Amino acid sequence: MEGRDPAEARRDPAGVQAEIERTQRRLAWAVDEIVDRTSPRNVARRGWQRMRDTGVHLAGGARAMATGDGTIRLESHVVEPPEGSVLLKGDDEVVSTYASRSAVPTEAVLLGLGAGLVVTVGLVVMWRRRSKRR
């Protein structure tokens, strides 16, 4: 049916059957893809992977800020091998993108330390008041 002249009245039955079978294979493949993408296990696995990637990204940024390192990893992804190549386990090629970040300003460090100190003192005072009531 695809790319055929509608004016063509007679069609070969074998050709029609082959076209039907091709369409059925494409439809079966599409249904399999939908089932695979929407299976609860795969949805959960993709969500877990996104959460892990975000955690790794945040941990890398925090580590870079704490150590004063000027570079942080923005993203990493696996590069798909060329079609038809044989890929062994562990042969994935991971490409990472890094960005340069300036050192944390001294004012920001002092402000963070001050806020942490205020919270710590507040917690100690609350704990001591509660222990005196008993």
N, C-alpha and C. Protein backbone atom coordinates (compact mmCIF):
# COMPACT_ATOMS: atom_id res chain seq x y z
N MET A 1 0.81 -1.19 0.00
CA MET A 1 0.00 0.00 0.00
C MET A 1 0.86 1.26 0.00
N GLU A 2 2.01 1.16 0.62
CA GLU A 2 2.89 2.32 0.68
C GLU A 2 3.59 2.50 -0.66
N GLY A 3 3.51 3.68 -1.21
CA GLY A 3 4.23 3.99 -2.43
C GLY A 3 3.65 3.32 -3.67
N ARG A 4 2.46 2.84 -3.59
CA ARG A 4 1.84 2.19 -4.75
C ARG A 4 0.87 3.16 -5.43
N ASP A 5 0.73 2.95 -6.68
CA ASP A 5 -0.19 3.78 -7.47
C ASP A 5 -1.61 3.29 -7.23
N PRO A 6 -2.52 4.16 -6.72
CA PRO A 6 -3.89 3.72 -6.46
C PRO A 6 -4.62 3.30 -7.74
N ALA A 7 -4.14 3.77 -8.87
CA ALA A 7 -4.80 3.43 -10.13
C ALA A 7 -4.48 1.99 -10.54
N GLU A 8 -3.47 1.41 -9.97
CA GLU A 8 -3.08 0.05 -10.32
C GLU A 8 -4.15 -0.90 -9.78
N ALA A 9 -4.90 -1.50 -10.70
CA ALA A 9 -6.06 -2.30 -10.31
C ALA A 9 -5.67 -3.69 -9.83
N ARG A 10 -4.78 -4.36 -10.49
CA ARG A 10 -4.43 -5.73 -10.15
C ARG A 10 -3.13 -5.74 -9.37
N ARG A 11 -3.16 -6.44 -8.24
CA ARG A 11 -1.94 -6.56 -7.43
C ARG A 11 -1.64 -8.04 -7.26
N ASP A 12 -0.38 -8.33 -7.18
CA ASP A 12 0.06 -9.72 -7.02
C ASP A 12 -0.29 -10.19 -5.61
N PRO A 13 -0.99 -11.31 -5.43
CA PRO A 13 -1.36 -11.80 -4.10
C PRO A 13 -0.14 -12.07 -3.21
N ALA A 14 0.93 -12.55 -3.79
CA ALA A 14 2.15 -12.80 -3.00
C ALA A 14 2.73 -11.48 -2.49
N GLY A 15 2.67 -10.44 -3.31
CA GLY A 15 3.16 -9.12 -2.90
C GLY A 15 2.31 -8.53 -1.79
N VAL A 16 0.99 -8.72 -1.91
CA VAL A 16 0.08 -8.22 -0.88
C VAL A 16 0.36 -8.95 0.44
N GLN A 17 0.54 -10.29 0.35
CA GLN A 17 0.82 -11.08 1.55
C GLN A 17 2.14 -10.64 2.19
N ALA A 18 3.16 -10.39 1.39
CA ALA A 18 4.45 -9.95 1.91
C ALA A 18 4.32 -8.58 2.58
N GLU A 19 3.53 -7.69 1.98
CA GLU A 19 3.32 -6.36 2.57
C GLU A 19 2.59 -6.47 3.91
N ILE A 20 1.60 -7.35 3.98
CA ILE A 20 0.86 -7.57 5.23
C ILE A 20 1.80 -8.09 6.31
N GLU A 21 2.65 -9.04 5.95
CA GLU A 21 3.59 -9.60 6.92
C GLU A 21 4.60 -8.55 7.41
N ARG A 22 5.07 -7.70 6.51
CA ARG A 22 5.98 -6.61 6.92
C ARG A 22 5.29 -5.68 7.90
N THR A 23 4.04 -5.33 7.59
CA THR A 23 3.28 -4.44 8.47
C THR A 23 3.05 -5.09 9.83
N GLN A 24 2.75 -6.38 9.84
CA GLN A 24 2.55 -7.09 11.10
C GLN A 24 3.84 -7.11 11.94
N ARG A 25 4.98 -7.32 11.27
CA ARG A 25 6.26 -7.32 12.01
C ARG A 25 6.55 -5.95 12.61
N ARG A 26 6.30 -4.88 11.84
CA ARG A 26 6.52 -3.52 12.35
C ARG A 26 5.59 -3.23 13.52
N LEU A 27 4.34 -3.65 13.41
CA LEU A 27 3.37 -3.43 14.47
C LEU A 27 3.76 -4.23 15.72
N ALA A 28 4.19 -5.48 15.55
CA ALA A 28 4.62 -6.29 16.69
C ALA A 28 5.83 -5.66 17.36
N TRP A 29 6.77 -5.14 16.57
CA TRP A 29 7.94 -4.49 17.14
C TRP A 29 7.53 -3.26 17.95
N ALA A 30 6.59 -2.46 17.40
CA ALA A 30 6.14 -1.26 18.11
C ALA A 30 5.44 -1.62 19.41
N VAL A 31 4.63 -2.66 19.40
CA VAL A 31 3.95 -3.09 20.63
C VAL A 31 4.97 -3.57 21.65
N ASP A 32 5.97 -4.34 21.21
CA ASP A 32 7.02 -4.80 22.13
C ASP A 32 7.77 -3.62 22.74
N GLU A 33 8.05 -2.60 21.95
CA GLU A 33 8.73 -1.41 22.47
C GLU A 33 7.88 -0.71 23.52
N ILE A 34 6.60 -0.57 23.26
CA ILE A 34 5.70 0.08 24.22
C ILE A 34 5.65 -0.71 25.52
N VAL A 35 5.53 -2.03 25.40
CA VAL A 35 5.48 -2.88 26.59
C VAL A 35 6.78 -2.75 27.37
N ASP A 36 7.91 -2.74 26.67
CA ASP A 36 9.21 -2.63 27.34
C ASP A 36 9.36 -1.28 28.04
N ARG A 37 8.96 -0.21 27.39
CA ARG A 37 9.11 1.12 27.97
C ARG A 37 8.19 1.35 29.16
N THR A 38 7.03 0.71 29.16
CA THR A 38 6.06 0.96 30.22
C THR A 38 6.03 -0.11 31.29
N SER A 39 6.90 -1.12 31.21
CA SER A 39 6.89 -2.14 32.26
C SER A 39 7.35 -1.50 33.57
N PRO A 40 6.68 -1.83 34.68
CA PRO A 40 7.01 -1.21 35.96
C PRO A 40 8.48 -1.39 36.35
N ARG A 41 9.04 -2.55 36.05
CA ARG A 41 10.44 -2.79 36.39
C ARG A 41 11.36 -1.83 35.65
N ASN A 42 11.12 -1.64 34.35
CA ASN A 42 11.97 -0.75 33.57
C ASN A 42 11.76 0.71 33.95
N VAL A 43 10.52 1.09 34.24
CA VAL A 43 10.25 2.47 34.67
C VAL A 43 10.98 2.74 35.99
N ALA A 44 10.90 1.79 36.93
CA ALA A 44 11.58 1.96 38.21
C ALA A 44 13.09 2.00 38.03
N ARG A 45 13.62 1.15 37.14
CA ARG A 45 15.06 1.13 36.90
C ARG A 45 15.54 2.46 36.32
N ARG A 46 14.78 3.01 35.37
CA ARG A 46 15.17 4.31 34.80
C ARG A 46 15.08 5.42 35.84
N GLY A 47 14.04 5.39 36.68
CA GLY A 47 13.91 6.40 37.74
C GLY A 47 15.05 6.30 38.73
N TRP A 48 15.40 5.07 39.13
CA TRP A 48 16.51 4.86 40.06
C TRP A 48 17.82 5.36 39.44
N GLN A 49 18.03 5.08 38.15
CA GLN A 49 19.26 5.52 37.48
C GLN A 49 19.33 7.05 37.45
N ARG A 50 18.20 7.72 37.15
CA ARG A 50 18.19 9.19 37.14
C ARG A 50 18.50 9.73 38.54
N MET A 51 17.93 9.09 39.56
CA MET A 51 18.17 9.54 40.93
C MET A 51 19.64 9.34 41.30
N ARG A 52 20.22 8.19 40.93
CA ARG A 52 21.64 7.95 41.20
C ARG A 52 22.52 8.97 40.49
N ASP A 53 22.20 9.23 39.22
CA ASP A 53 22.99 10.20 38.45
C ASP A 53 22.93 11.58 39.09
N THR A 54 21.74 11.98 39.56
CA THR A 54 21.60 13.27 40.21
C THR A 54 22.39 13.31 41.51
N GLY A 55 22.33 12.22 42.29
CA GLY A 55 23.10 12.15 43.55
C GLY A 55 24.59 12.21 43.30
N VAL A 56 25.06 11.50 42.29
CA VAL A 56 26.48 11.52 41.96
C VAL A 56 26.90 12.92 41.54
N HIS A 57 26.04 13.58 40.76
CA HIS A 57 26.34 14.94 40.32
C HIS A 57 26.42 15.89 41.51
N LEU A 58 25.43 15.79 42.42
CA LEU A 58 25.43 16.67 43.60
C LEU A 58 26.62 16.37 44.51
N ALA A 59 26.94 15.09 44.70
CA ALA A 59 28.09 14.74 45.54
C ALA A 59 29.39 15.26 44.93
N GLY A 60 29.49 15.16 43.61
CA GLY A 60 30.69 15.68 42.95
C GLY A 60 30.82 17.18 43.11
N GLY A 61 29.70 17.88 42.99
CA GLY A 61 29.72 19.33 43.19
C GLY A 61 30.07 19.70 44.62
N ALA A 62 29.50 18.97 45.59
CA ALA A 62 29.81 19.25 47.00
C ALA A 62 31.27 18.96 47.30
N ARG A 63 31.78 17.85 46.75
CA ARG A 63 33.19 17.51 46.96
C ARG A 63 34.09 18.58 46.36
N ALA A 64 33.73 19.07 45.17
CA ALA A 64 34.53 20.10 44.53
C ALA A 64 34.52 21.38 45.34
N MET A 65 33.35 21.71 45.90
CA MET A 65 33.28 22.93 46.72
C MET A 65 34.06 22.77 48.02
N ALA A 66 33.97 21.59 48.64
CA ALA A 66 34.65 21.38 49.92
C ALA A 66 36.16 21.34 49.77
N THR A 67 36.64 20.76 48.69
CA THR A 67 38.09 20.65 48.51
C THR A 67 38.68 21.86 47.81
N GLY A 68 37.82 22.70 47.27
CA GLY A 68 38.33 23.88 46.57
C GLY A 68 38.77 23.56 45.16
N ASP A 69 38.47 22.35 44.70
CA ASP A 69 38.81 21.95 43.34
C ASP A 69 37.99 22.81 42.39
N GLY A 70 38.58 23.24 41.32
CA GLY A 70 37.90 24.14 40.41
C GLY A 70 37.07 23.48 39.34
N THR A 71 37.04 22.14 39.27
CA THR A 71 36.28 21.48 38.22
C THR A 71 35.21 20.58 38.82
N ILE A 72 34.06 20.58 38.17
CA ILE A 72 33.00 19.66 38.57
C ILE A 72 32.46 18.97 37.32
N ARG A 73 31.99 17.74 37.49
CA ARG A 73 31.45 16.99 36.36
C ARG A 73 30.00 17.43 36.15
N LEU A 74 29.69 17.84 34.94
CA LEU A 74 28.33 18.25 34.61
C LEU A 74 27.47 17.07 34.22
N GLU A 75 28.02 16.18 33.39
CA GLU A 75 27.22 15.05 32.93
C GLU A 75 28.15 13.95 32.44
N SER A 76 27.65 12.73 32.49
CA SER A 76 28.33 11.58 31.91
C SER A 76 27.29 10.73 31.20
N HIS A 77 27.66 10.19 30.07
CA HIS A 77 26.75 9.31 29.35
C HIS A 77 27.54 8.26 28.58
N VAL A 78 26.90 7.15 28.34
CA VAL A 78 27.52 6.05 27.62
C VAL A 78 27.32 6.29 26.13
N VAL A 79 28.40 6.12 25.37
CA VAL A 79 28.34 6.29 23.92
C VAL A 79 27.95 4.94 23.32
N GLU A 80 26.91 4.95 22.50
CA GLU A 80 26.45 3.72 21.86
C GLU A 80 27.49 3.27 20.83
N PRO A 81 27.76 1.96 20.79
CA PRO A 81 28.72 1.46 19.80
C PRO A 81 28.11 1.50 18.40
N PRO A 82 28.94 1.47 17.38
CA PRO A 82 28.40 1.46 16.02
C PRO A 82 27.55 0.21 15.79
N GLU A 83 26.54 0.33 14.96
CA GLU A 83 25.63 -0.78 14.71
C GLU A 83 26.40 -1.94 14.08
N GLY A 84 26.12 -3.13 14.59
CA GLY A 84 26.77 -4.32 14.07
C GLY A 84 28.04 -4.70 14.80
N SER A 85 28.52 -3.86 15.72
CA SER A 85 29.73 -4.21 16.45
C SER A 85 29.38 -5.11 17.63
N VAL A 86 30.34 -5.88 18.06
CA VAL A 86 30.16 -6.78 19.20
C VAL A 86 30.67 -6.06 20.44
N LEU A 87 29.80 -5.94 21.44
CA LEU A 87 30.15 -5.22 22.65
C LEU A 87 30.23 -6.21 23.81
N LEU A 88 31.38 -6.29 24.43
CA LEU A 88 31.56 -7.15 25.59
C LEU A 88 31.25 -6.37 26.85
N LYS A 89 30.89 -7.08 27.91
CA LYS A 89 30.55 -6.42 29.17
C LYS A 89 31.75 -5.62 29.66
N GLY A 90 31.52 -4.37 30.00
CA GLY A 90 32.58 -3.51 30.48
C GLY A 90 33.27 -2.71 29.40
N ASP A 91 32.86 -2.89 28.15
CA ASP A 91 33.48 -2.16 27.04
C ASP A 91 32.78 -0.85 26.73
N ASP A 92 31.83 -0.45 27.57
CA ASP A 92 31.12 0.80 27.31
C ASP A 92 32.08 1.98 27.37
N GLU A 93 31.88 2.92 26.48
CA GLU A 93 32.70 4.13 26.50
C GLU A 93 31.88 5.24 27.14
N VAL A 94 32.37 5.78 28.25
CA VAL A 94 31.67 6.82 28.99
C VAL A 94 32.32 8.16 28.67
N VAL A 95 31.50 9.12 28.30
CA VAL A 95 31.99 10.45 28.00
C VAL A 95 31.48 11.39 29.09
N SER A 96 32.38 12.14 29.71
CA SER A 96 32.01 13.07 30.78
C SER A 96 32.30 14.49 30.34
N THR A 97 31.44 15.39 30.79
CA THR A 97 31.62 16.81 30.52
C THR A 97 31.93 17.51 31.83
N TYR A 98 32.99 18.31 31.86
CA TYR A 98 33.40 19.01 33.07
C TYR A 98 33.30 20.51 32.86
N ALA A 99 33.10 21.22 33.97
CA ALA A 99 33.07 22.68 33.92
C ALA A 99 34.00 23.22 34.99
N SER A 100 34.56 24.37 34.71
CA SER A 100 35.44 25.01 35.67
C SER A 100 34.61 25.90 36.58
N ARG A 101 34.85 25.78 37.85
CA ARG A 101 34.11 26.59 38.82
C ARG A 101 35.14 27.34 39.67
N SER A 102 34.87 28.58 39.89
CA SER A 102 35.79 29.37 40.70
C SER A 102 35.70 28.92 42.15
N ALA A 103 36.72 29.23 42.91
CA ALA A 103 36.74 28.85 44.32
C ALA A 103 35.60 29.54 45.07
N VAL A 104 35.16 28.92 46.15
CA VAL A 104 34.07 29.47 46.94
C VAL A 104 34.58 30.75 47.62
N PRO A 105 33.84 31.84 47.54
CA PRO A 105 34.26 33.08 48.17
C PRO A 105 34.36 32.90 49.69
N THR A 106 35.31 33.58 50.29
CA THR A 106 35.53 33.49 51.73
C THR A 106 34.28 33.91 52.50
N GLU A 107 33.57 34.91 51.98
CA GLU A 107 32.36 35.37 52.66
C GLU A 107 31.32 34.25 52.75
N ALA A 108 31.18 33.46 51.69
CA ALA A 108 30.21 32.37 51.68
C ALA A 108 30.60 31.30 52.69
N VAL A 109 31.89 31.01 52.79
CA VAL A 109 32.36 30.01 53.76
C VAL A 109 32.09 30.50 55.18
N LEU A 110 32.41 31.76 55.45
CA LEU A 110 32.17 32.31 56.79
C LEU A 110 30.68 32.34 57.13
N LEU A 111 29.86 32.69 56.16
CA LEU A 111 28.42 32.70 56.38
C LEU A 111 27.90 31.29 56.68
N GLY A 112 28.36 30.30 55.96
CA GLY A 112 27.97 28.92 56.20
C GLY A 112 28.41 28.43 57.56
N LEU A 113 29.64 28.76 57.96
CA LEU A 113 30.14 28.38 59.28
C LEU A 113 29.33 29.06 60.39
N GLY A 114 29.00 30.32 60.19
CA GLY A 114 28.20 31.05 61.18
C GLY A 114 26.81 30.45 61.33
N ALA A 115 26.18 30.12 60.23
CA ALA A 115 24.85 29.51 60.29
C ALA A 115 24.91 28.15 60.98
N GLY A 116 25.93 27.36 60.68
CA GLY A 116 26.10 26.07 61.34
C GLY A 116 26.32 26.22 62.83
N LEU A 117 27.09 27.21 63.23
CA LEU A 117 27.35 27.45 64.64
C LEU A 117 26.07 27.86 65.37
N VAL A 118 25.27 28.74 64.75
CA VAL A 118 24.01 29.17 65.36
C VAL A 118 23.07 27.98 65.54
N VAL A 119 22.95 27.14 64.55
CA VAL A 119 22.09 25.96 64.64
C VAL A 119 22.59 25.03 65.74
N THR A 120 23.90 24.80 65.81
CA THR A 120 24.47 23.91 66.82
C THR A 120 24.22 24.45 68.22
N VAL A 121 24.46 25.73 68.45
CA VAL A 121 24.24 26.33 69.77
C VAL A 121 22.76 26.25 70.13
N GLY A 122 21.87 26.53 69.18
CA GLY A 122 20.44 26.43 69.43
C GLY A 122 20.02 25.03 69.84
N LEU A 123 20.56 24.01 69.18
CA LEU A 123 20.23 22.64 69.54
C LEU A 123 20.76 22.27 70.93
N VAL A 124 21.95 22.71 71.26
CA VAL A 124 22.52 22.43 72.59
C VAL A 124 21.68 23.09 73.67
N VAL A 125 21.27 24.34 73.47
CA VAL A 125 20.44 25.06 74.45
C VAL A 125 19.11 24.34 74.63
N MET A 126 18.48 23.93 73.54
CA MET A 126 17.20 23.22 73.65
C MET A 126 17.38 21.89 74.40
N TRP A 127 18.44 21.18 74.13
CA TRP A 127 18.70 19.90 74.78
C TRP A 127 18.91 20.08 76.29
N ARG A 128 19.67 21.13 76.66
CA ARG A 128 19.94 21.38 78.08
C ARG A 128 18.67 21.80 78.80
N ARG A 129 17.83 22.61 78.18
CA ARG A 129 16.56 23.03 78.81
C ARG A 129 15.66 21.81 79.04
N ARG A 130 15.61 20.98 78.06
CA ARG A 130 14.76 19.78 78.18
C ARG A 130 15.28 18.84 79.27
N SER A 131 16.61 18.71 79.40
CA SER A 131 17.16 17.82 80.43
C SER A 131 16.98 18.41 81.83
N LYS A 132 16.92 19.74 82.00
CA LYS A 132 16.72 20.37 83.30
C LYS A 132 15.27 20.20 83.76
N ARG A 133 14.32 20.13 82.86
CA ARG A 133 12.91 19.97 83.23
C ARG A 133 12.65 18.61 83.87
N ARG A 134 13.40 17.65 83.54
CA ARG A 134 13.18 16.29 84.04
C ARG A 134 13.80 16.13 85.35
